[in-house]
Amino acid sequence: MRLQRRDPSSHPLVRWALRLHNSRRYYRFKESVRSLLNDPENPKKKYLDLTIIFLILSSVFILIYEVKNPVPKWLVFYDVYVVSFLFLVEYLLRLWVSSDLTEDFVHEYEEASFIGREFRVWRALGEGLRKKLAYMLTPGAIIDLLAILPAYRELRVLRLLILFRVLKLLRYARSINQFVEVLSDKRFELLTLLILLAFVMATGGIALYVLEETHNPNIHNIFDALYWSLVTITTVGYGDIAPISVPGRIIAVLIILLGIAMISFATSVIVSAFSEKLIQLKEERIVEEVNKSEKFLIICGYGQMAKMFFRQQKLTEHDYIILDKDPLRVQEAIHDGYNAIVDDASRHETLARFNLKGAKVTVLCMSHDDVENIYITLNAKSIDPTIRVVARASSPEIASKYERAGVDHILLPEEMASTLMAVAILRPIMYRAISGIFMGKSIARLDEVPVFAHSRLLGMNVGKIDFRSYKLVLIGVQKREDGKFHFNPEPELELEQGDVLLVMGHRMSVEYFRELSCGGECEVG
């Protein structure tokens, strides 16, 4: 005989959990609260941080002021009710987003429905409360809770807990939080030093207590000896307790020397940690600034080609960042006045730091290593296939591998150099013209004129454009539809949106023609 079991979905807590679980509005709101409280990238979080910092500082100011001055009632109301209430709301919101109680109920409901057993409400509730309790026992949550208690001013001792509100600055003041992170990163070294300090302090204190407790009038118990040892080892030296025997003074000398050594070690550890952190913060700031741009370059490798690239004054106006694994080359780039960080662009995590999907990005692979350049290309294309990649290849034989990796433009500097060298020997006049065009000299320049949606060139035939009046020569047209380049195109070729005209002429002529054709409604330069 099969027992009749109650339908789990009939339980009111299950209905409540399922309703919230299926509510997109609920999850969107919860995620927005979580982002506001915890996500440093949230633009609204800085206003929350500034508000909390103001509440903390004003509360501490009231605590100091009321020591010798009567506090107005409105100020007491502000401190007792307003500040404490806002801290309570913040604490409850953090507790709410720390875990999802509805998920525990839904999980228990699905499990009970699947195997046909009774819905155990206490199991789901206990699991949810266990997660909440785990959050409440974290240091940050304990500080948040203690910051609320000063609202009960009937117990004067609780007013001292206002000082715990200062500890909340660790969460909201970014610089203080970074200071704590630096110390946390070096916790092993600092803990080792602390244990050594405690050992030396205890040894020195016990030794002085044994040697001088009977005849030193300033040492009454072991605490006095340990106090003297700590003051001496930290080189503070108040002078209220001093050894009077020769063995005691020898111990003092040893403790002083050990104290100087440990202080020097601690200083070097903290200074090195801060130096590393400052470099990291500087790199993060550079990445943040680049990510704010709608169009930027990621230059992978700072070699000879990158240096030649930056010699083009027009290109340095673009937002860019240089990535290189070699710290020496990065330092050279920084010394030359460029934004560079030490990072491996062939790693997926490195390129994922940048706003590759929200901006128009061009990746320049300038490394001498073909394998590294291909890895960089694969990583970039895996994040967003629309990213344009320009890569340097060592030889024409490996160019096909670059094409299969998805490189948009392949540079063969060695082949180009050998070709130009042959032209310089066999056809010197042509070489002078070519070098003058590509080196940006006053002879002429090649440039692109895109056809935008609002361009006056849209729908026109090439033969109807009087390029001679603009002192320009039309070299060809790149069609957007099939990607084919039409060299010296037929006069009947019609221009469409997305086509690109390749023209040659003086800089002023090209810029005037581009501006006139766009009618001031499209991108210039």
Protein backbone atom coordinates (compact mmCIF):
# COMPACT_ATOMS: atom_id res chain seq x y z
CA MET A 1 0.00 0.00 0.00
CA ARG A 2 1.49 3.36 -1.06
CA LEU A 3 1.14 6.20 1.41
CA GLN A 4 -0.37 9.47 0.23
CA ARG A 5 2.19 12.25 0.43
CA ARG A 6 1.46 15.95 0.60
CA ASP A 7 2.24 17.90 -2.52
CA PRO A 8 5.38 20.00 -1.71
CA SER A 9 4.12 22.87 -3.87
CA SER A 10 1.19 23.37 -1.49
CA HIS A 11 3.50 24.51 1.29
CA PRO A 12 3.28 28.32 1.67
CA LEU A 13 7.07 28.72 1.90
CA VAL A 14 7.53 26.72 -1.29
CA ARG A 15 4.94 28.85 -3.11
CA TRP A 16 6.72 31.97 -1.90
CA ALA A 17 10.12 30.63 -2.97
CA LEU A 18 8.88 29.52 -6.39
CA ARG A 19 7.23 32.87 -7.01
CA LEU A 20 10.47 34.72 -6.24
CA HIS A 21 12.56 32.16 -8.12
CA ASN A 22 10.54 32.77 -11.29
CA SER A 23 10.51 36.56 -10.92
CA ARG A 24 13.00 38.30 -13.18
CA ARG A 25 12.23 41.63 -11.54
CA TYR A 26 13.23 40.23 -8.14
CA TYR A 27 16.59 38.93 -9.42
CA ARG A 28 17.31 42.10 -11.35
CA PHE A 29 16.67 44.18 -8.26
CA LYS A 30 18.78 41.89 -6.07
CA GLU A 31 21.62 41.93 -8.56
CA SER A 32 21.48 45.73 -8.77
CA VAL A 33 21.71 45.96 -4.95
CA ARG A 34 24.62 43.49 -4.92
CA SER A 35 26.40 45.47 -7.61
CA LEU A 36 25.82 48.75 -5.76
CA LEU A 37 27.29 47.33 -2.56
CA ASN A 38 30.15 45.23 -3.90
CA ASP A 39 31.03 46.06 -7.51
CA PRO A 40 33.73 48.76 -7.76
CA GLU A 41 32.94 49.14 -11.47
CA ASN A 42 29.41 50.30 -10.69
CA PRO A 43 29.37 54.08 -11.36
CA LYS A 44 26.79 54.64 -8.57
CA LYS A 45 28.91 52.91 -5.93
CA LYS A 46 31.20 55.91 -5.44
CA TYR A 47 28.23 57.99 -4.28
CA LEU A 48 27.28 55.29 -1.78
CA ASP A 49 30.88 55.16 -0.57
CA LEU A 50 31.06 58.91 -0.10
CA THR A 51 27.77 58.89 1.82
CA ILE A 52 28.91 56.14 4.20
CA ILE A 53 32.27 57.85 4.73
CA PHE A 54 30.49 61.09 5.62
CA LEU A 55 28.23 59.25 8.10
CA ILE A 56 31.25 57.59 9.73
CA LEU A 57 33.29 60.78 10.06
CA SER A 58 30.35 62.84 11.33
CA SER A 59 29.54 60.17 13.93
CA VAL A 60 33.12 60.13 15.19
CA PHE A 61 33.15 63.94 15.29
CA ILE A 62 30.04 63.93 17.51
CA LEU A 63 31.72 61.40 19.84
CA ILE A 64 34.75 63.67 20.25
CA TYR A 65 32.67 66.85 20.53
CA GLU A 66 30.40 65.57 23.31
CA VAL A 67 33.35 64.84 25.65
CA LYS A 68 33.49 68.49 26.78
CA ASN A 69 30.50 70.07 25.08
CA PRO A 70 26.73 69.59 25.30
CA VAL A 71 25.39 68.08 22.11
CA PRO A 72 22.23 69.61 20.56
CA LYS A 73 19.20 67.36 20.47
CA TRP A 74 18.98 67.40 16.70
CA LEU A 75 22.58 66.20 16.50
CA VAL A 76 21.85 63.39 18.98
CA PHE A 77 18.81 62.43 16.90
CA TYR A 78 20.96 62.41 13.76
CA ASP A 79 23.61 60.19 15.37
CA VAL A 80 21.27 57.83 17.24
CA TYR A 81 18.53 57.36 14.69
CA VAL A 82 19.59 58.53 11.23
CA VAL A 83 23.16 57.17 11.14
CA SER A 84 22.36 53.97 13.00
CA PHE A 85 19.25 53.34 10.90
CA LEU A 86 21.18 53.77 7.65
CA PHE A 87 23.92 51.43 8.90
CA LEU A 88 21.22 48.93 9.89
CA VAL A 89 19.69 49.09 6.41
CA GLU A 90 23.10 48.60 4.84
CA TYR A 91 23.80 45.62 7.12
CA LEU A 92 20.47 43.97 6.28
CA LEU A 93 20.97 44.53 2.55
CA ARG A 94 24.41 42.94 2.69
CA LEU A 95 22.97 40.03 4.65
CA TRP A 96 20.20 39.69 2.05
CA VAL A 97 22.50 39.56 -0.99
CA SER A 98 25.11 37.34 0.71
CA SER A 99 23.08 34.23 -0.24
CA ASP A 100 19.72 33.30 -1.73
CA LEU A 101 17.30 31.63 0.67
CA THR A 102 14.80 30.98 -2.12
CA GLU A 103 17.33 28.80 -3.94
CA ASP A 104 17.58 26.50 -0.91
CA PHE A 105 13.80 26.10 -0.76
CA VAL A 106 13.56 25.48 -4.51
CA HIS A 107 16.37 22.91 -4.35
CA GLU A 108 14.66 21.04 -1.49
CA TYR A 109 11.32 21.21 -3.35
CA GLU A 110 12.81 19.80 -6.57
CA GLU A 111 14.58 17.02 -4.70
CA ALA A 112 11.43 16.09 -2.74
CA SER A 113 9.30 16.12 -5.90
CA PHE A 114 11.79 14.02 -7.85
CA ILE A 115 12.16 11.16 -5.36
CA GLY A 116 8.61 11.44 -3.97
CA ARG A 117 9.37 12.19 -0.33
CA GLU A 118 8.02 14.72 2.12
CA PHE A 119 9.17 18.32 1.81
CA ARG A 120 11.41 19.05 4.81
CA VAL A 121 11.05 22.73 5.51
CA TRP A 122 13.58 22.73 8.34
CA ARG A 123 16.24 21.28 6.11
CA ALA A 124 15.86 24.06 3.55
CA LEU A 125 15.53 26.72 6.22
CA GLY A 126 18.53 25.39 8.12
CA GLU A 127 20.74 25.39 5.02
CA GLY A 128 19.75 28.95 4.20
CA LEU A 129 20.32 30.16 7.77
CA ARG A 130 23.68 28.38 7.85
CA LYS A 131 24.83 30.44 4.85
CA LYS A 132 23.52 33.64 6.44
CA LEU A 133 25.31 32.81 9.69
CA ALA A 134 28.54 32.11 7.82
CA TYR A 135 28.37 35.63 6.38
CA MET A 136 27.49 37.17 9.77
CA LEU A 137 30.67 35.69 11.25
CA THR A 138 32.95 37.28 8.65
CA PRO A 139 35.09 40.19 9.93
CA GLY A 140 33.34 42.73 7.70
CA ALA A 141 29.87 41.71 8.88
CA ILE A 142 30.93 41.78 12.54
CA ILE A 143 32.29 45.31 12.12
CA ASP A 144 29.05 46.37 10.40
CA LEU A 145 27.00 44.96 13.30
CA LEU A 146 29.14 46.60 16.00
CA ALA A 147 28.82 49.90 14.13
CA ILE A 148 25.05 49.78 14.73
CA LEU A 149 25.17 49.12 18.50
CA PRO A 150 26.13 52.71 19.55
CA ALA A 151 22.50 53.61 18.93
CA TYR A 152 21.76 52.29 22.44
CA ARG A 153 23.23 55.28 24.26
CA GLU A 154 21.70 54.30 27.62
CA LEU A 155 24.77 52.09 28.03
CA ARG A 156 27.66 54.54 27.86
CA VAL A 157 30.19 51.83 27.15
CA LEU A 158 28.42 51.12 23.85
CA ARG A 159 29.22 54.63 22.69
CA LEU A 160 32.86 53.60 22.40
CA LEU A 161 31.75 51.14 19.75
CA ILE A 162 31.42 54.17 17.47
CA LEU A 163 35.12 53.64 16.91
CA PHE A 164 34.18 50.45 15.07
CA ARG A 165 32.52 52.67 12.52
CA VAL A 166 36.00 53.85 11.62
CA LEU A 167 36.82 50.27 10.65
CA LYS A 168 34.02 50.46 8.11
CA LEU A 169 36.31 52.77 6.18
CA LEU A 170 38.25 49.64 5.25
CA ARG A 171 35.34 48.71 3.02
CA TYR A 172 34.54 52.13 1.57
CA ALA A 173 37.85 54.02 1.46
CA ARG A 174 39.67 52.54 -1.50
CA SER A 175 43.16 53.67 -0.43
CA ILE A 176 42.76 52.21 3.07
CA ASN A 177 41.41 49.01 1.60
CA GLN A 178 44.41 48.77 -0.70
CA PHE A 179 46.71 49.30 2.29
CA VAL A 180 45.09 46.34 4.04
CA GLU A 181 45.40 44.26 0.87
CA VAL A 182 49.13 44.98 0.74
CA LEU A 183 49.56 43.80 4.33
CA SER A 184 47.38 40.78 3.61
CA ASP A 185 49.55 39.80 0.64
CA LYS A 186 52.60 39.80 2.92
CA ARG A 187 50.87 38.12 5.83
CA PHE A 188 53.25 35.13 5.81
CA GLU A 189 56.34 37.31 6.14
CA LEU A 190 54.70 39.60 8.70
CA LEU A 191 53.35 36.66 10.72
CA THR A 192 56.82 35.10 10.77
CA LEU A 193 58.25 38.39 11.96
CA LEU A 194 55.54 38.72 14.62
CA ILE A 195 56.29 35.23 15.98
CA LEU A 196 59.99 36.05 16.10
CA LEU A 197 59.22 39.34 17.83
CA ALA A 198 57.07 37.57 20.44
CA PHE A 199 59.81 34.98 21.04
CA VAL A 200 62.55 37.59 21.49
CA MET A 201 60.29 39.76 23.68
CA ALA A 202 59.35 36.82 25.91
CA THR A 203 62.93 35.58 26.16
CA GLY A 204 64.32 39.01 27.00
CA GLY A 205 61.54 39.81 29.46
CA ILE A 206 61.84 36.50 31.32
CA ALA A 207 65.63 36.82 31.45
CA LEU A 208 65.45 40.34 32.91
CA TYR A 209 62.77 39.28 35.39
CA VAL A 210 64.89 36.38 36.64
CA LEU A 211 68.06 38.48 36.88
CA GLU A 212 66.73 41.73 38.38
CA GLU A 213 63.36 41.13 40.03
CA THR A 214 64.93 41.04 43.51
CA HIS A 215 67.00 44.24 43.30
CA ASN A 216 65.45 46.38 40.50
CA PRO A 217 62.89 48.69 42.17
CA ASN A 218 61.03 49.25 38.84
CA ILE A 219 60.33 45.56 38.16
CA HIS A 220 57.53 44.24 40.36
CA ASN A 221 56.22 41.36 38.25
CA ILE A 222 56.68 39.53 34.94
CA PHE A 223 54.42 42.01 33.14
CA ASP A 224 56.85 44.86 33.93
CA ALA A 225 59.71 42.83 32.45
CA LEU A 226 57.76 41.98 29.29
CA TYR A 227 56.70 45.62 28.97
CA TRP A 228 60.35 46.70 29.18
CA SER A 229 61.32 44.08 26.61
CA LEU A 230 58.66 45.25 24.11
CA VAL A 231 59.55 48.94 24.57
CA THR A 232 63.23 48.15 24.09
CA ILE A 233 62.86 45.84 21.09
CA THR A 234 60.78 48.45 19.27
CA THR A 235 63.50 51.05 20.04
CA VAL A 236 60.94 53.32 21.73
CA GLY A 237 62.77 53.47 25.06
CA TYR A 238 60.50 55.32 27.52
CA GLY A 239 63.13 55.04 30.24
CA ASP A 240 60.70 54.25 33.06
CA ILE A 241 62.27 50.78 33.40
CA ALA A 242 65.98 50.15 32.83
CA PRO A 243 68.32 47.25 33.69
CA ILE A 244 70.80 47.99 36.49
CA SER A 245 72.97 44.86 36.38
CA VAL A 246 75.66 44.01 33.83
CA PRO A 247 73.87 40.86 32.61
CA GLY A 248 70.66 42.86 32.29
CA ARG A 249 72.40 45.51 30.18
CA ILE A 250 73.92 42.83 27.96
CA ILE A 251 70.43 41.46 27.37
CA ALA A 252 69.26 45.02 26.55
CA VAL A 253 72.03 45.42 23.96
CA LEU A 254 71.10 42.12 22.30
CA ILE A 255 67.42 43.02 22.26
CA ILE A 256 68.13 46.44 20.76
CA LEU A 257 70.22 44.91 17.96
CA LEU A 258 67.58 42.30 17.24
CA GLY A 259 64.89 45.00 17.30
CA ILE A 260 66.74 47.12 14.73
CA ALA A 261 67.18 44.06 12.51
CA MET A 262 63.51 43.09 12.71
CA ILE A 263 62.29 46.65 12.12
CA SER A 264 64.55 46.90 9.07
CA PHE A 265 63.23 43.58 7.79
CA ALA A 266 59.61 44.62 8.34
CA THR A 267 60.24 47.97 6.65
CA SER A 268 61.81 46.32 3.60
CA VAL A 269 58.92 43.84 3.32
CA ILE A 270 56.27 46.57 3.52
CA VAL A 271 58.14 48.93 1.17
CA SER A 272 58.63 46.20 -1.45
CA ALA A 273 54.95 45.24 -1.13
CA PHE A 274 53.86 48.85 -1.63
CA SER A 275 56.20 49.26 -4.60
CA GLU A 276 54.63 46.24 -6.27
CA LYS A 277 51.14 47.50 -5.41
CA LEU A 278 51.83 50.97 -6.78
CA ILE A 279 52.97 49.49 -10.08
CA GLN A 280 49.83 47.34 -10.17
CA LEU A 281 47.59 50.34 -9.38
CA LYS A 282 49.27 52.40 -12.09
CA GLU A 283 48.71 49.63 -14.62
CA GLU A 284 45.07 49.27 -13.57
CA ARG A 285 44.58 53.02 -13.97
CA ILE A 286 46.03 52.87 -17.51
CA VAL A 287 43.70 49.99 -18.39
CA GLU A 288 40.70 51.85 -16.94
CA GLU A 289 41.52 54.98 -18.95
CA VAL A 290 41.88 52.97 -22.16
CA ASN A 291 38.61 51.13 -21.54
CA LYS A 292 36.78 54.46 -21.39
CA SER A 293 37.63 55.10 -25.06
CA GLU A 294 35.33 54.10 -27.88
CA LYS A 295 38.32 53.27 -30.11
CA PHE A 296 41.82 52.25 -29.05
CA LEU A 297 44.89 50.22 -29.99
CA ILE A 298 46.46 47.30 -28.12
CA ILE A 299 50.10 47.08 -29.17
CA CYS A 300 51.65 43.74 -28.26
CA GLY A 301 55.42 44.03 -28.02
CA TYR A 302 57.66 47.09 -27.88
CA GLY A 303 60.34 46.44 -30.48
CA GLN A 304 61.77 48.28 -33.44
CA MET A 305 58.51 48.20 -35.41
CA ALA A 306 56.56 49.62 -32.47
CA LYS A 307 59.10 52.45 -32.14
CA MET A 308 58.79 53.24 -35.83
CA PHE A 309 55.01 53.10 -35.49
CA PHE A 310 55.02 55.74 -32.74
CA ARG A 311 57.16 58.06 -34.84
CA GLN A 312 54.05 58.75 -36.91
CA GLN A 313 52.67 61.78 -35.07
CA LYS A 314 49.09 61.21 -36.24
CA LEU A 315 49.03 57.68 -34.80
CA THR A 316 50.07 58.80 -31.31
CA GLU A 317 46.82 60.76 -31.09
CA HIS A 318 44.91 57.46 -30.80
CA ASP A 319 44.21 55.93 -27.39
CA TYR A 320 46.53 52.97 -26.99
CA ILE A 321 48.30 50.68 -24.57
CA ILE A 322 51.51 48.67 -24.98
CA LEU A 323 51.73 45.13 -23.60
CA ASP A 324 55.06 43.36 -23.25
CA LYS A 325 56.31 40.46 -21.14
CA ASP A 326 59.79 41.93 -20.79
CA PRO A 327 59.97 44.47 -17.89
CA LEU A 328 63.05 46.09 -19.44
CA ARG A 329 61.23 46.84 -22.69
CA VAL A 330 58.26 48.16 -20.74
CA GLN A 331 60.54 50.47 -18.78
CA GLU A 332 62.05 51.62 -22.08
CA ALA A 333 58.57 52.38 -23.45
CA ILE A 334 57.64 54.29 -20.28
CA HIS A 335 60.93 56.20 -20.50
CA ASP A 336 60.05 57.11 -24.10
CA GLY A 337 56.77 58.58 -22.84
CA TYR A 338 54.31 55.84 -23.81
CA ASN A 339 51.65 53.96 -21.81
CA ALA A 340 52.97 50.45 -21.25
CA ILE A 341 52.39 47.64 -18.77
CA VAL A 342 54.05 44.29 -18.11
CA ASP A 343 51.66 41.58 -19.27
CA ASP A 344 51.46 38.59 -21.59
CA ALA A 345 49.05 39.38 -24.41
CA SER A 346 48.97 35.73 -25.49
CA ARG A 347 47.02 34.87 -22.30
CA HIS A 348 43.25 35.03 -22.56
CA GLU A 349 42.94 36.73 -19.15
CA THR A 350 45.12 39.63 -20.32
CA LEU A 351 42.98 40.64 -23.29
CA ALA A 352 39.79 39.96 -21.34
CA ARG A 353 40.67 42.93 -19.08
CA PHE A 354 39.92 45.32 -21.94
CA ASN A 355 36.58 46.53 -23.24
CA LEU A 356 36.96 44.57 -26.48
CA LYS A 357 33.22 44.13 -27.12
CA GLY A 358 32.10 47.64 -26.23
CA ALA A 359 34.71 49.53 -28.26
CA LYS A 360 36.32 49.52 -31.70
CA VAL A 361 39.62 47.79 -31.01
CA THR A 362 42.66 47.11 -33.16
CA VAL A 363 45.29 44.66 -31.92
CA LEU A 364 48.80 45.08 -33.30
CA CYS A 365 50.95 41.94 -32.94
CA MET A 366 54.49 43.31 -33.10
CA SER A 367 56.36 40.41 -31.50
CA HIS A 368 59.22 38.69 -33.33
CA ASP A 369 57.75 35.32 -32.29
CA ASP A 370 55.21 34.05 -34.85
CA VAL A 371 53.74 31.54 -32.38
CA GLU A 372 53.08 34.31 -29.84
CA ASN A 373 51.48 36.53 -32.47
CA ILE A 374 49.16 33.68 -33.57
CA TYR A 375 48.19 32.97 -29.94
CA ILE A 376 47.38 36.66 -29.43
CA THR A 377 45.23 36.61 -32.57
CA LEU A 378 43.35 33.49 -31.50
CA ASN A 379 42.66 34.96 -28.06
CA ALA A 380 41.44 38.26 -29.50
CA LYS A 381 39.17 36.58 -32.05
CA SER A 382 37.78 34.19 -29.42
CA ILE A 383 36.67 37.18 -27.34
CA ASP A 384 35.16 39.08 -30.26
CA PRO A 385 35.56 38.07 -33.93
CA THR A 386 35.03 41.68 -35.04
CA ILE A 387 38.30 42.83 -33.47
CA ARG A 388 40.73 43.92 -36.16
CA VAL A 389 44.14 42.26 -35.86
CA VAL A 390 47.26 43.46 -37.65
CA ALA A 391 50.19 41.06 -37.23
CA ARG A 392 53.85 40.99 -38.16
CA ALA A 393 54.95 37.78 -39.91
CA SER A 394 58.55 36.68 -40.20
CA SER A 395 58.21 35.12 -43.68
CA PRO A 396 55.70 34.63 -46.51
CA GLU A 397 55.69 30.87 -45.82
CA ILE A 398 54.00 31.34 -42.43
CA ALA A 399 51.53 33.96 -43.64
CA SER A 400 48.94 31.25 -44.39
CA LYS A 401 48.93 30.25 -40.70
CA TYR A 402 48.20 33.85 -39.77
CA GLU A 403 45.28 33.89 -42.21
CA ARG A 404 43.81 30.71 -40.71
CA ALA A 405 44.14 32.25 -37.25
CA GLY A 406 41.97 35.16 -38.42
CA VAL A 407 44.51 38.00 -38.90
CA ASP A 408 42.96 40.83 -40.89
CA HIS A 409 46.22 42.35 -42.18
CA ILE A 410 49.63 40.66 -42.37
CA LEU A 411 52.84 42.68 -42.42
CA LEU A 412 56.01 41.26 -43.96
CA PRO A 413 58.64 43.84 -43.01
CA GLU A 414 61.64 41.81 -44.21
CA GLU A 415 60.11 41.15 -47.62
CA MET A 416 59.03 44.79 -47.91
CA ALA A 417 62.51 45.99 -46.95
CA SER A 418 64.18 43.78 -49.54
CA THR A 419 61.72 44.96 -52.23
CA LEU A 420 62.34 48.62 -51.41
CA MET A 421 66.07 48.00 -51.46
CA ALA A 422 65.82 46.52 -54.96
CA VAL A 423 63.66 49.47 -56.09
CA ALA A 424 66.19 51.93 -54.63
CA ILE A 425 68.98 50.32 -56.70
CA LEU A 426 67.12 49.68 -59.96
CA ARG A 427 64.60 52.56 -60.00
CA PRO A 428 65.89 55.36 -57.77
CA ILE A 429 63.37 57.97 -58.95
CA MET A 430 60.42 55.67 -58.20
CA TYR A 431 61.98 54.89 -54.82
CA ARG A 432 62.19 58.60 -53.97
CA ALA A 433 58.51 59.03 -54.83
CA ILE A 434 57.41 55.96 -52.88
CA SER A 435 59.51 56.80 -49.84
CA GLY A 436 58.26 60.38 -49.94
CA ILE A 437 54.65 59.19 -49.91
CA PHE A 438 55.07 56.62 -47.15
CA MET A 439 57.41 58.70 -45.00
CA GLY A 440 54.92 61.58 -44.93
CA LYS A 441 57.08 64.04 -46.84
CA SER A 442 55.63 66.98 -48.75
CA ILE A 443 55.57 65.18 -52.11
CA ALA A 444 52.12 63.59 -51.68
CA ARG A 445 50.25 61.18 -49.49
CA LEU A 446 47.98 58.20 -49.89
CA ASP A 447 44.82 58.28 -47.85
CA GLU A 448 41.40 56.67 -47.53
CA VAL A 449 38.09 58.48 -47.94
CA PRO A 450 35.19 56.33 -46.69
CA VAL A 451 31.67 56.71 -48.04
CA PHE A 452 29.34 57.22 -45.05
CA ALA A 453 25.56 57.15 -44.88
CA HIS A 454 25.35 60.95 -45.16
CA SER A 455 28.22 61.38 -47.61
CA ARG A 456 27.66 63.44 -50.74
CA LEU A 457 29.51 60.73 -52.66
CA LEU A 458 26.78 58.18 -51.93
CA GLY A 459 25.15 56.98 -55.16
CA MET A 460 27.51 58.94 -57.44
CA ASN A 461 29.46 57.42 -60.32
CA VAL A 462 33.22 57.73 -60.08
CA GLY A 463 33.39 59.47 -63.48
CA LYS A 464 31.19 62.34 -62.21
CA ILE A 465 33.64 63.34 -59.48
CA ASP A 466 36.14 65.96 -60.62
CA PHE A 467 39.19 64.79 -58.67
CA ARG A 468 41.45 67.15 -60.65
CA SER A 469 39.64 70.17 -59.20
CA TYR A 470 40.53 68.90 -55.75
CA LYS A 471 44.15 68.31 -56.88
CA LEU A 472 43.74 64.59 -56.18
CA VAL A 473 44.41 61.38 -58.08
CA LEU A 474 42.03 58.43 -57.63
CA ILE A 475 44.02 55.21 -57.23
CA GLY A 476 41.12 52.84 -56.72
CA VAL A 477 37.95 51.93 -54.85
CA GLN A 478 37.47 49.21 -52.24
CA LYS A 479 33.93 47.83 -52.47
CA ARG A 480 32.30 46.88 -49.20
CA GLU A 481 29.94 44.33 -50.75
CA ASP A 482 32.52 41.86 -52.08
CA GLY A 483 35.74 43.31 -50.65
CA LYS A 484 37.20 43.67 -54.13
CA PHE A 485 39.62 46.51 -54.86
CA HIS A 486 38.99 48.25 -58.21
CA PHE A 487 42.24 49.79 -59.42
CA ASN A 488 41.67 52.79 -61.74
CA PRO A 489 37.94 52.05 -61.72
CA GLU A 490 35.56 52.51 -64.62
CA PRO A 491 33.69 55.85 -64.69
CA GLU A 492 30.36 53.99 -64.36
CA LEU A 493 31.29 52.46 -60.96
CA GLU A 494 28.66 53.59 -58.45
CA LEU A 495 29.73 54.41 -54.88
CA GLU A 496 27.78 52.78 -52.05
CA GLN A 497 27.78 53.11 -48.29
CA GLY A 498 30.86 51.45 -46.80
CA ASP A 499 33.02 51.81 -49.92
CA VAL A 500 36.46 53.35 -49.51
CA LEU A 501 38.24 55.56 -52.03
CA LEU A 502 42.02 55.45 -52.15
CA VAL A 503 43.27 58.86 -53.27
CA MET A 504 46.67 60.51 -53.55
CA GLY A 505 47.46 64.18 -53.10
CA HIS A 506 48.65 66.77 -50.63
CA ARG A 507 47.37 66.56 -47.07
CA MET A 508 45.29 69.73 -47.37
CA SER A 509 43.63 68.47 -50.54
CA VAL A 510 42.71 65.13 -49.00
CA GLU A 511 41.29 66.68 -45.84
CA TYR A 512 39.32 69.27 -47.82
CA PHE A 513 37.85 66.61 -50.11
CA ARG A 514 36.89 64.37 -47.17
CA GLU A 515 35.25 67.21 -45.25
CA LEU A 516 33.39 68.46 -48.34
CA SER A 517 32.14 65.01 -49.30
CA CYS A 518 30.89 64.30 -45.81
CA GLY A 519 29.10 67.59 -45.47
CA GLY A 520 30.30 67.89 -41.87
CA GLU A 521 28.04 65.03 -40.77
CA CYS A 522 30.54 62.15 -40.68
CA GLU A 523 33.86 61.28 -39.17
CA VAL A 524 36.83 63.33 -40.27
CA GLY A 525 40.46 62.17 -40.30
